[in-house]
Amino acid sequence: MGWGMTSDGKTVDNNCKRDYGNQTCQDFYQLQQINYTLLDAMQDIGYDVHLIGKVDVGANILYIPEQKNATADGFHGGPDDYSGLATFSRSANILKPTKAKPVADENDNNVHPEDWGIASNCIDQINKFGANKDNQTKPWMVYCSINIPHPAFQTNATWLAGVNQAAVTLPIWPDESTFHPADEYQSISKNVW
């Protein structure tokens, strides 16, 4: 769940307001009791910070002009969206799949094209810092996160081509009743049971 307000408590996150309404976001802020982000901390000690890709935090970070390459607001479309509802029901221990059954797509070599753009933006930003290293007056940090790093067990033809499937021994799946609750949740949520 994203943070309902900016870290100073003065502004309601625009996407939270869109999905939940002004008062609910203010209530979230009171419950969350969060008043400092990684972005705040790094800037406070003098870093030039660039957030690129999935931030998923709220706090109106997506609306900071210098953070134009940040994506994902942390609200997942709100309670009216299936993804949002499934995400927010985690703490209630509602065990439902949030994804379709994972299958390998042996034809699609570009499953998440937005991630290639994010990776390219990260490389470009690091190269800019490298090219200007003699003129930099403060340290820098690039936070780079692709949007869809999961599920780890789903891939495409590019990566499947490099795997000798005959040489891969599948592990023995343990009895599901012995799973740690976090593993149980992930297995059900990612639809592998």
Protein backbone atom coordinates (compact mmCIF):
# COMPACT_ATOMS: atom_id res chain seq x y z
CA MET A 1 0.00 0.00 0.00
CA GLY A 2 1.37 3.39 -0.97
CA TRP A 3 1.72 6.22 1.51
CA GLY A 4 -1.43 8.32 1.61
CA MET A 5 0.31 11.68 1.87
CA THR A 6 3.66 13.32 1.23
CA SER A 7 6.26 12.66 3.91
CA ASP A 8 5.72 16.14 5.41
CA GLY A 9 2.00 15.37 5.88
CA LYS A 10 0.88 18.41 3.88
CA THR A 11 -0.31 16.96 0.58
CA VAL A 12 -2.53 13.97 -0.20
CA ASP A 13 -0.99 11.67 -2.82
CA ASN A 14 -2.79 12.34 -6.13
CA ASN A 15 -3.22 8.67 -7.03
CA CYS A 16 -4.39 7.75 -3.53
CA LYS A 17 -6.99 10.51 -3.80
CA ARG A 18 -8.08 9.18 -7.22
CA ASP A 19 -8.50 5.62 -5.92
CA TYR A 20 -9.72 6.17 -2.34
CA GLY A 21 -10.72 9.78 -1.80
CA ASN A 22 -9.15 12.60 0.19
CA GLN A 23 -10.32 11.61 3.69
CA THR A 24 -9.38 7.94 3.36
CA CYS A 25 -5.85 8.93 2.26
CA GLN A 26 -5.53 11.23 5.28
CA ASP A 27 -6.69 8.32 7.45
CA PHE A 28 -4.09 6.06 5.79
CA TYR A 29 -1.42 8.63 6.63
CA GLN A 30 -2.43 8.66 10.29
CA LEU A 31 -2.33 4.85 10.46
CA GLN A 32 0.88 4.51 8.50
CA GLN A 33 2.82 6.98 10.66
CA ILE A 34 5.48 7.32 7.98
CA ASN A 35 7.13 10.67 7.65
CA TYR A 36 10.37 10.00 5.81
CA THR A 37 11.23 8.28 2.53
CA LEU A 38 14.51 6.99 1.11
CA LEU A 39 14.32 9.91 -1.30
CA ASP A 40 14.07 12.34 1.64
CA ALA A 41 16.97 10.70 3.45
CA MET A 42 19.32 10.71 0.45
CA GLN A 43 18.48 14.29 -0.46
CA ASP A 44 18.97 15.40 3.15
CA ILE A 45 22.56 14.14 3.11
CA GLY A 46 23.26 15.87 -0.19
CA TYR A 47 22.73 13.23 -2.85
CA ASP A 48 21.48 13.86 -6.37
CA VAL A 49 18.82 11.14 -6.48
CA HIS A 50 17.22 9.68 -9.60
CA LEU A 51 14.35 7.22 -9.19
CA ILE A 52 13.80 5.18 -12.34
CA GLY A 53 11.16 2.48 -12.68
CA LYS A 54 8.88 0.93 -10.11
CA VAL A 55 8.82 3.00 -6.93
CA ASP A 56 5.45 1.72 -5.65
CA VAL A 57 5.49 3.99 -2.62
CA GLY A 58 2.95 6.80 -2.98
CA ALA A 59 3.88 9.96 -1.04
CA ASN A 60 3.29 11.90 -4.30
CA ILE A 61 6.79 10.93 -5.50
CA LEU A 62 5.49 10.40 -9.05
CA TYR A 63 4.58 14.09 -9.18
CA ILE A 64 8.03 15.45 -8.30
CA PRO A 65 9.32 16.94 -11.59
CA GLU A 66 12.87 15.67 -11.02
CA GLN A 67 11.52 12.11 -10.66
CA LYS A 68 9.78 11.94 -14.05
CA ASN A 69 11.15 8.43 -14.70
CA ALA A 70 9.55 6.89 -11.58
CA THR A 71 6.57 4.59 -12.15
CA ALA A 72 3.97 2.69 -10.08
CA ASP A 73 2.18 4.63 -7.36
CA GLY A 74 1.70 1.90 -4.75
CA PHE A 75 -2.10 1.91 -4.90
CA HIS A 76 -2.54 -0.77 -7.61
CA GLY A 77 -5.72 0.73 -9.04
CA GLY A 78 -7.56 0.85 -5.72
CA PRO A 79 -10.24 -1.44 -4.33
CA ASP A 80 -12.25 -1.50 -7.56
CA ASP A 81 -9.39 -3.07 -9.50
CA TYR A 82 -8.76 -6.84 -9.15
CA SER A 83 -5.01 -6.33 -8.73
CA GLY A 84 -5.57 -3.67 -6.08
CA LEU A 85 -8.07 -5.76 -4.17
CA ALA A 86 -5.82 -8.83 -4.24
CA THR A 87 -2.84 -6.77 -3.10
CA PHE A 88 -4.67 -5.12 -0.23
CA SER A 89 -6.26 -8.32 1.02
CA ARG A 90 -2.84 -9.84 1.85
CA SER A 91 -2.92 -8.72 5.46
CA ALA A 92 -6.33 -10.32 5.91
CA ASN A 93 -4.77 -13.64 4.88
CA ILE A 94 -7.19 -14.02 1.97
CA LEU A 95 -5.50 -16.64 -0.13
CA LYS A 96 -6.48 -16.20 -3.77
CA PRO A 97 -4.45 -16.27 -6.96
CA THR A 98 -3.56 -12.80 -8.24
CA LYS A 99 -2.10 -14.08 -11.52
CA ALA A 100 -2.96 -16.58 -14.20
CA LYS A 101 -1.19 -19.95 -14.16
CA PRO A 102 2.43 -19.32 -15.20
CA VAL A 103 3.42 -20.72 -18.57
CA ALA A 104 6.48 -20.26 -20.71
CA ASP A 105 5.89 -18.27 -23.88
CA GLU A 106 8.29 -19.77 -26.36
CA ASN A 107 7.44 -17.20 -29.05
CA ASP A 108 7.46 -13.84 -27.29
CA ASN A 109 10.96 -12.43 -26.88
CA ASN A 110 9.86 -9.13 -25.41
CA VAL A 111 7.38 -9.99 -22.66
CA HIS A 112 7.56 -6.65 -20.84
CA PRO A 113 8.77 -3.98 -23.29
CA GLU A 114 8.41 -1.22 -20.68
CA ASP A 115 11.18 -2.88 -18.66
CA TRP A 116 13.63 -2.52 -21.56
CA GLY A 117 12.90 1.22 -21.59
CA ILE A 118 13.45 1.45 -17.84
CA ALA A 119 16.77 -0.41 -18.07
CA SER A 120 17.84 1.89 -20.92
CA ASN A 121 16.93 4.98 -18.87
CA CYS A 122 18.99 3.65 -15.94
CA ILE A 123 22.02 3.02 -18.15
CA ASP A 124 21.68 6.49 -19.73
CA GLN A 125 21.54 8.17 -16.31
CA ILE A 126 24.60 6.30 -15.04
CA ASN A 127 26.47 7.17 -18.24
CA LYS A 128 25.57 10.86 -17.76
CA PHE A 129 27.05 10.76 -14.28
CA GLY A 130 30.15 9.01 -15.64
CA ALA A 131 30.59 11.54 -18.45
CA ASN A 132 30.31 14.46 -16.00
CA LYS A 133 32.32 12.99 -13.13
CA ASP A 134 34.87 15.82 -13.16
CA ASN A 135 32.12 18.46 -12.82
CA GLN A 136 30.01 16.80 -10.14
CA THR A 137 29.74 18.62 -6.86
CA LYS A 138 27.74 16.04 -4.92
CA PRO A 139 27.33 12.29 -4.72
CA TRP A 140 24.55 10.60 -6.66
CA MET A 141 22.28 7.61 -6.46
CA VAL A 142 20.29 5.91 -9.21
CA TYR A 143 17.44 3.70 -8.02
CA CYS A 144 16.60 1.38 -10.90
CA SER A 145 13.70 -1.06 -10.67
CA ILE A 146 11.93 -2.84 -13.47
CA ASN A 147 8.14 -2.92 -13.32
CA ILE A 148 7.51 -6.61 -13.59
CA PRO A 149 10.32 -8.66 -12.03
CA HIS A 150 7.98 -11.50 -11.22
CA PRO A 151 7.00 -14.27 -11.40
CA ALA A 152 10.48 -15.72 -11.35
CA PHE A 153 9.21 -18.98 -12.84
CA GLN A 154 7.82 -17.40 -16.02
CA THR A 155 10.06 -16.54 -18.94
CA ASN A 156 10.23 -16.30 -22.73
CA ALA A 157 12.05 -17.80 -25.69
CA THR A 158 15.15 -15.62 -25.27
CA TRP A 159 15.99 -17.15 -21.92
CA LEU A 160 14.54 -20.60 -22.55
CA ALA A 161 16.93 -21.02 -25.50
CA GLY A 162 19.85 -20.91 -23.08
CA VAL A 163 18.54 -23.69 -20.87
CA ASN A 164 19.18 -27.36 -21.48
CA GLN A 165 15.86 -28.52 -20.02
CA ALA A 166 16.92 -32.18 -20.16
CA ALA A 167 19.74 -31.39 -17.72
CA VAL A 168 17.46 -29.71 -15.18
CA THR A 169 16.29 -31.90 -12.34
CA LEU A 170 13.11 -30.61 -10.79
CA PRO A 171 13.19 -30.38 -7.02
CA ILE A 172 10.74 -32.40 -4.97
CA TRP A 173 7.85 -30.15 -4.04
CA PRO A 174 7.44 -30.36 -0.26
CA ASP A 175 4.12 -31.15 1.33
CA GLU A 176 2.14 -27.91 1.20
CA SER A 177 1.13 -28.27 4.85
CA THR A 178 4.81 -27.74 5.82
CA PHE A 179 5.14 -24.41 4.01
CA HIS A 180 6.05 -21.27 5.91
CA PRO A 181 3.05 -18.86 5.74
CA ALA A 182 4.98 -16.49 3.45
CA ASP A 183 5.78 -19.32 1.03
CA GLU A 184 2.19 -20.51 1.18
CA TYR A 185 0.91 -17.01 0.39
CA GLN A 186 3.32 -16.56 -2.55
CA SER A 187 2.54 -20.01 -3.96
CA ILE A 188 -1.20 -19.36 -3.88
CA SER A 189 -0.92 -15.71 -4.93
CA LYS A 190 1.28 -16.55 -7.94
CA ASN A 191 -1.04 -19.46 -8.79
CA VAL A 192 1.48 -22.31 -8.65
CA TRP A 193 -0.58 -24.58 -6.37
